[in-house]
Amino acid sequence: MVSWAHLLSFAGLSFLLVLIPGPSVLFTISRALTVGRRVALLTVVGNAAGVYAQVVAVAFGLGALVATSATVFTAVKLAGAIYLVYLGVQAIRHRADLARAIEPGAVTRTFSTAAALRDGFVVGFANPKTIVFLAALLPQFVDTARGAVPQQMLLLGLCIPAFGLICDSIWAFAADTTRTWFARTPRRLAALGGTGGLAMIGLGASLAFTGRKD
């Protein structure tokens, strides 16, 4: 069992990590602006699952490998970057759908629940900021005298996705409110779709060039 002192300390660090906008926040905002609140909130849930998958990886050794191996780290971040660029291109290609969506009787492109969750999961799991944070700090809050180490890590690691669900959902609601204003003019909304796509591409490029000291 994890001590309360360790749990509260790690929770505090986790909250600070979540408060700093990173790929997950920017992706959530882009999704809220381009396709609305429902998909953005599903993205938040998928992202939380992806982050917790990182926790599981760290608890059972993969996280340490990512943190110490430049090759593995690069493979993970490039996979996420390429996926973000792909999603950005798709958003630009379908930007006119946003304008048509507010026309009476219009049929527009929709995202299934599974697709929205999948996209969020990929971005969350490929987030280099979180995996390095977990691999570097999570083991330091484990007390070997209190039982199995992986179980303690799994419990401590719940803090980040829990805070992420709350904070990223707030971002999604706020961005969706802005989208409502844009929706008053079809041309403005189409431009917003293209801008959101460019933001995703830029985020993917930024992620690709996230460096390491080694």
Protein backbone atom coordinates (compact mmCIF):
# COMPACT_ATOMS: atom_id res chain seq x y z
CA MET A 1 0.00 0.00 0.00
CA VAL A 2 1.26 3.48 -0.90
CA SER A 3 1.74 5.88 2.01
CA TRP A 4 -0.47 8.96 2.13
CA ALA A 5 2.61 11.18 2.17
CA HIS A 6 3.90 9.68 -1.08
CA LEU A 7 0.45 9.72 -2.68
CA LEU A 8 -0.19 13.38 -1.87
CA SER A 9 3.29 14.42 -2.98
CA PHE A 10 2.99 12.62 -6.30
CA ALA A 11 -0.55 13.94 -6.75
CA GLY A 12 0.76 17.49 -6.35
CA LEU A 13 3.45 16.97 -8.98
CA SER A 14 0.93 15.31 -11.29
CA PHE A 15 -1.44 18.26 -10.99
CA LEU A 16 1.34 20.67 -11.92
CA LEU A 17 2.24 18.49 -14.93
CA VAL A 18 -1.36 18.48 -16.15
CA LEU A 19 -1.71 22.25 -15.70
CA ILE A 20 1.14 22.88 -18.15
CA PRO A 21 -0.43 22.78 -21.64
CA GLY A 22 1.09 20.07 -23.78
CA PRO A 23 0.14 17.90 -26.77
CA SER A 24 -2.96 16.51 -25.04
CA VAL A 25 -4.42 19.93 -24.22
CA LEU A 26 -3.67 21.37 -27.65
CA PHE A 27 -5.15 18.34 -29.38
CA THR A 28 -8.29 18.53 -27.23
CA ILE A 29 -8.73 22.22 -28.08
CA SER A 30 -8.24 21.54 -31.79
CA ARG A 31 -10.82 18.77 -31.70
CA ALA A 32 -13.33 20.93 -29.82
CA LEU A 33 -12.91 23.76 -32.32
CA THR A 34 -13.13 21.60 -35.43
CA VAL A 35 -15.65 18.88 -34.59
CA GLY A 36 -17.31 19.91 -31.34
CA ARG A 37 -17.63 19.11 -27.68
CA ARG A 38 -18.72 15.46 -27.91
CA VAL A 39 -15.67 14.33 -29.88
CA ALA A 40 -13.39 16.52 -27.76
CA LEU A 41 -14.66 14.94 -24.53
CA LEU A 42 -14.28 11.45 -25.98
CA THR A 43 -10.76 12.45 -26.97
CA VAL A 44 -10.11 13.44 -23.35
CA VAL A 45 -11.25 10.00 -22.16
CA GLY A 46 -9.11 8.25 -24.77
CA ASN A 47 -6.15 10.41 -23.86
CA ALA A 48 -6.51 9.52 -20.17
CA ALA A 49 -6.52 5.84 -21.13
CA GLY A 50 -3.39 6.37 -23.24
CA VAL A 51 -1.62 8.10 -20.36
CA TYR A 52 -2.52 5.29 -18.00
CA ALA A 53 -1.17 2.82 -20.56
CA GLN A 54 2.12 4.67 -20.09
CA VAL A 55 1.78 4.14 -16.33
CA VAL A 56 1.34 0.41 -16.92
CA ALA A 57 4.37 0.42 -19.22
CA VAL A 58 6.48 2.18 -16.60
CA ALA A 59 5.26 -0.13 -13.84
CA PHE A 60 6.39 -3.17 -15.80
CA GLY A 61 9.65 -1.80 -17.16
CA LEU A 62 8.98 -0.36 -20.60
CA GLY A 63 8.93 3.21 -19.31
CA ALA A 64 12.51 2.95 -18.10
CA LEU A 65 13.55 1.70 -21.53
CA VAL A 66 11.85 4.66 -23.23
CA ALA A 67 13.49 7.08 -20.82
CA THR A 68 17.00 5.67 -21.31
CA SER A 69 16.94 4.61 -24.95
CA ALA A 70 17.04 7.41 -27.51
CA THR A 71 15.93 4.97 -30.21
CA VAL A 72 12.80 3.82 -28.40
CA PHE A 73 11.99 7.37 -27.31
CA THR A 74 12.29 8.58 -30.90
CA ALA A 75 10.11 5.75 -32.22
CA VAL A 76 7.33 6.54 -29.74
CA LYS A 77 7.31 10.29 -30.34
CA LEU A 78 7.54 9.97 -34.15
CA ALA A 79 4.59 7.58 -34.19
CA GLY A 80 2.53 10.13 -32.31
CA ALA A 81 3.78 13.00 -34.47
CA ILE A 82 2.93 11.25 -37.73
CA TYR A 83 -0.53 10.42 -36.46
CA LEU A 84 -1.16 14.04 -35.45
CA VAL A 85 -0.07 15.28 -38.88
CA TYR A 86 -2.40 12.75 -40.51
CA LEU A 87 -5.32 13.97 -38.37
CA GLY A 88 -4.46 17.58 -39.23
CA VAL A 89 -4.49 16.83 -42.96
CA GLN A 90 -7.86 15.13 -42.58
CA ALA A 91 -9.24 18.15 -40.72
CA ILE A 92 -8.13 20.46 -43.54
CA ARG A 93 -9.56 18.17 -46.20
CA HIS A 94 -12.95 18.14 -44.49
CA ARG A 95 -13.02 21.77 -43.36
CA ALA A 96 -15.97 22.54 -45.65
CA ASP A 97 -18.03 19.97 -43.75
CA LEU A 98 -18.06 22.33 -40.77
CA ALA A 99 -19.75 25.03 -42.79
CA ARG A 100 -22.28 22.60 -44.28
CA ALA A 101 -23.05 21.25 -40.83
CA ILE A 102 -25.07 24.35 -39.90
CA GLU A 103 -27.16 24.32 -43.07
CA PRO A 104 -30.70 22.93 -42.65
CA GLY A 105 -30.86 19.23 -43.44
CA ALA A 106 -27.14 19.00 -44.06
CA VAL A 107 -25.29 15.75 -43.56
CA THR A 108 -21.73 16.15 -42.37
CA ARG A 109 -18.79 13.98 -41.52
CA THR A 110 -19.06 12.44 -38.07
CA PHE A 111 -16.66 10.68 -35.74
CA SER A 112 -17.62 7.38 -34.16
CA THR A 113 -17.08 6.92 -30.45
CA ALA A 114 -14.40 4.33 -31.13
CA ALA A 115 -12.52 6.63 -33.55
CA ALA A 116 -12.54 9.56 -31.12
CA LEU A 117 -11.35 7.36 -28.25
CA ARG A 118 -8.65 5.82 -30.45
CA ASP A 119 -7.30 9.19 -31.54
CA GLY A 120 -7.13 10.41 -27.95
CA PHE A 121 -5.45 7.18 -26.84
CA VAL A 122 -2.72 7.44 -29.47
CA VAL A 123 -1.94 11.06 -28.58
CA GLY A 124 -1.92 10.26 -24.86
CA PHE A 125 0.28 7.20 -25.19
CA ALA A 126 2.77 8.95 -27.50
CA ASN A 127 3.11 12.04 -25.27
CA PRO A 128 6.86 12.23 -24.49
CA LYS A 129 6.37 14.73 -21.65
CA THR A 130 4.34 12.25 -19.63
CA ILE A 131 6.40 9.14 -20.26
CA VAL A 132 9.63 10.86 -19.22
CA PHE A 133 7.94 12.32 -16.13
CA LEU A 134 6.63 8.90 -15.13
CA ALA A 135 9.84 7.03 -15.80
CA ALA A 136 11.95 9.58 -13.94
CA LEU A 137 9.76 10.31 -10.91
CA LEU A 138 7.30 7.48 -10.35
CA PRO A 139 9.89 5.01 -8.98
CA GLN A 140 11.02 7.61 -6.44
CA PHE A 141 7.63 7.52 -4.71
CA VAL A 142 7.62 3.76 -4.25
CA ASP A 143 8.37 2.23 -0.84
CA THR A 144 9.64 -1.33 -1.29
CA ALA A 145 8.76 -2.08 2.33
CA ARG A 146 5.08 -1.54 1.58
CA GLY A 147 4.53 -4.31 -0.93
CA ALA A 148 4.80 -5.02 -4.64
CA VAL A 149 6.36 -2.17 -6.59
CA PRO A 150 4.23 -2.45 -9.79
CA GLN A 151 1.00 -2.24 -7.78
CA GLN A 152 2.21 0.90 -6.01
CA MET A 153 3.12 2.48 -9.34
CA LEU A 154 -0.26 1.61 -10.81
CA LEU A 155 -2.00 3.28 -7.89
CA LEU A 156 0.17 6.39 -7.92
CA GLY A 157 -0.13 6.64 -11.67
CA LEU A 158 -3.90 7.10 -11.47
CA CYS A 159 -3.28 10.71 -10.44
CA ILE A 160 -2.26 11.96 -13.89
CA PRO A 161 -5.21 10.60 -15.94
CA ALA A 162 -7.62 11.62 -13.16
CA PHE A 163 -6.42 15.22 -13.19
CA GLY A 164 -6.23 15.10 -16.97
CA LEU A 165 -9.90 14.13 -17.26
CA ILE A 166 -10.92 17.14 -15.19
CA CYS A 167 -8.61 19.79 -16.62
CA ASP A 168 -8.80 18.71 -20.27
CA SER A 169 -12.60 18.54 -20.07
CA ILE A 170 -12.63 22.16 -18.95
CA TRP A 171 -10.48 23.06 -21.96
CA ALA A 172 -12.89 21.16 -24.21
CA PHE A 173 -15.94 23.03 -22.88
CA ALA A 174 -14.18 26.39 -23.18
CA ALA A 175 -13.05 25.72 -26.76
CA ASP A 176 -16.50 24.48 -27.75
CA THR A 177 -18.00 27.76 -26.54
CA THR A 178 -15.65 29.60 -28.89
CA ARG A 179 -16.65 27.28 -31.69
CA THR A 180 -20.31 28.25 -31.17
CA TRP A 181 -19.38 31.86 -31.90
CA PHE A 182 -17.55 30.85 -35.06
CA ALA A 183 -20.55 28.78 -36.16
CA ARG A 184 -22.62 31.91 -36.73
CA THR A 185 -20.90 32.39 -40.09
CA PRO A 186 -20.38 29.35 -42.37
CA ARG A 187 -17.27 30.81 -44.03
CA ARG A 188 -15.78 31.62 -40.63
CA LEU A 189 -16.43 28.06 -39.45
CA ALA A 190 -14.80 26.54 -42.54
CA ALA A 191 -11.75 28.73 -41.93
CA LEU A 192 -11.71 27.51 -38.34
CA GLY A 193 -11.61 23.90 -39.55
CA GLY A 194 -8.57 24.63 -41.68
CA THR A 195 -6.88 26.49 -38.82
CA GLY A 196 -7.53 23.59 -36.46
CA GLY A 197 -6.01 21.21 -38.98
CA LEU A 198 -2.93 23.39 -39.30
CA ALA A 199 -2.67 23.48 -35.50
CA MET A 200 -2.66 19.66 -35.41
CA ILE A 201 0.03 19.53 -38.09
CA GLY A 202 2.09 22.09 -36.20
CA LEU A 203 1.64 20.12 -33.00
CA GLY A 204 2.80 16.97 -34.76
CA ALA A 205 5.86 18.75 -36.12
CA SER A 206 6.63 20.17 -32.69
CA LEU A 207 6.32 16.72 -31.14
CA ALA A 208 8.63 15.26 -33.78
CA PHE A 209 11.35 17.74 -32.85
CA THR A 210 11.03 17.29 -29.10
CA GLY A 211 14.64 16.72 -28.17
CA ARG A 212 16.63 14.81 -25.60
CA LYS A 213 19.94 15.60 -24.04
CA ASP A 214 21.32 12.30 -25.28
